[in-house]
Protein backbone atom coordinates (compact mmCIF):
# COMPACT_ATOMS: atom_id res chain seq x y z
CA UNK A 1 13.51 14.18 9.70
CA UNK A 2 17.21 13.69 8.95
CA UNK A 3 18.06 12.50 5.43
CA UNK A 4 21.34 10.70 4.86
CA UNK A 5 23.50 11.22 1.77
CA UNK A 6 22.19 8.08 0.05
CA UNK A 7 18.60 9.36 0.23
CA UNK A 8 19.62 12.86 -0.85
CA UNK A 9 21.61 11.56 -3.84
CA UNK A 10 18.65 9.40 -4.87
CA UNK A 11 16.37 12.39 -4.82
CA UNK A 12 18.84 14.54 -6.81
CA UNK A 13 19.23 11.83 -9.42
CA UNK A 14 15.49 11.07 -9.83
CA UNK A 15 13.71 14.32 -8.92
CA UNK A 16 12.46 14.84 -12.50
CA UNK A 17 10.19 11.82 -12.10
CA UNK A 18 8.01 13.99 -9.90
CA UNK A 19 8.82 17.59 -10.88
CA UNK A 20 8.91 19.13 -14.36
CA UNK A 21 12.19 20.86 -13.56
CA UNK A 22 15.09 20.56 -11.18
CA UNK A 23 14.18 21.72 -7.64
CA UNK A 24 17.60 21.04 -6.02
CA UNK A 25 21.13 20.92 -7.32
CA UNK A 26 23.14 20.09 -4.21
CA UNK A 27 22.81 17.81 -1.21
CA UNK A 28 22.06 20.84 0.99
CA UNK A 29 19.33 22.08 -1.35
CA UNK A 30 17.85 18.62 -1.59
CA UNK A 31 17.79 18.27 2.22
CA UNK A 32 16.13 21.67 2.63
CA UNK A 33 13.58 20.89 -0.07
CA UNK A 34 12.71 17.48 1.42
CA UNK A 35 12.32 18.97 4.86
CA UNK A 36 9.99 21.67 3.51
CA UNK A 37 7.90 19.01 1.74
CA UNK A 38 7.81 16.89 4.89
CA UNK A 39 9.15 13.93 2.91
CA UNK A 40 9.54 10.63 4.70
CA UNK A 41 11.77 7.59 4.35
CA UNK A 42 10.28 4.17 5.02
CA UNK A 43 11.92 0.75 5.25
CA UNK A 44 9.75 -1.48 3.11
CA UNK A 45 7.14 -1.68 0.38
CA UNK A 46 4.59 -2.49 3.07
CA UNK A 47 5.44 0.72 4.88
CA UNK A 48 4.87 2.68 1.66
CA UNK A 49 1.33 1.22 1.43
CA UNK A 50 0.76 1.97 5.11
CA UNK A 51 1.93 5.57 4.61
CA UNK A 52 -0.51 6.19 1.75
CA UNK A 53 -3.33 4.46 3.67
CA UNK A 54 -2.61 6.51 6.85
CA UNK A 55 -2.46 9.73 4.77
CA UNK A 56 -5.95 8.95 3.49
CA UNK A 57 -4.85 8.70 -0.12
CA UNK A 58 -7.33 6.59 -2.12
CA UNK A 59 -5.42 3.59 -3.32
CA UNK A 60 -8.42 2.47 -5.40
CA UNK A 61 -7.42 -1.20 -5.19
CA UNK A 62 -3.87 -0.53 -6.34
CA UNK A 63 -1.41 -3.31 -5.62
CA UNK A 64 2.02 -2.91 -4.09
CA UNK A 65 3.83 -2.79 -7.43
CA UNK A 66 1.57 -0.01 -8.70
CA UNK A 67 2.09 2.05 -5.52
CA UNK A 68 5.87 1.64 -5.75
CA UNK A 69 5.78 3.03 -9.31
CA UNK A 70 4.01 6.20 -8.20
CA UNK A 71 5.89 9.38 -9.06
CA UNK A 72 6.00 10.29 -5.37
CA UNK A 73 7.90 7.15 -4.41
CA UNK A 74 11.63 6.98 -4.94
CA UNK A 75 13.38 3.64 -4.43
CA UNK A 76 16.58 4.51 -2.54
CA UNK A 77 18.23 1.21 -3.52
CA UNK A 78 18.96 -0.24 -0.13
CA UNK A 79 15.45 -1.42 0.73
CA UNK A 80 14.24 2.02 1.74
CA UNK A 81 11.81 4.28 -0.07
CA UNK A 82 11.61 8.06 -0.08
CA UNK A 83 8.08 9.44 -0.32
CA UNK A 84 7.76 13.06 -1.49
CA UNK A 85 4.40 14.69 -1.80
CA UNK A 86 4.85 17.27 -4.54
């Protein structure tokens, strides 16, 4: 998957929400890390829910707002969401 600069910058800025320490310090490192993690970018909150459901992750009745607050979900800021399974 190709990650544009907006997504990469979002990850660089917010990576500590998921990881205890910095895992990338440049756009190139962020892109390589996200490719290795098989991260995905989706276009809506509904697509985030669908991703977790398809991945077989037990949502345990969680609503959309709760899922969007998960550490693995990064709001890019333009309506898209980056999902990184740490």
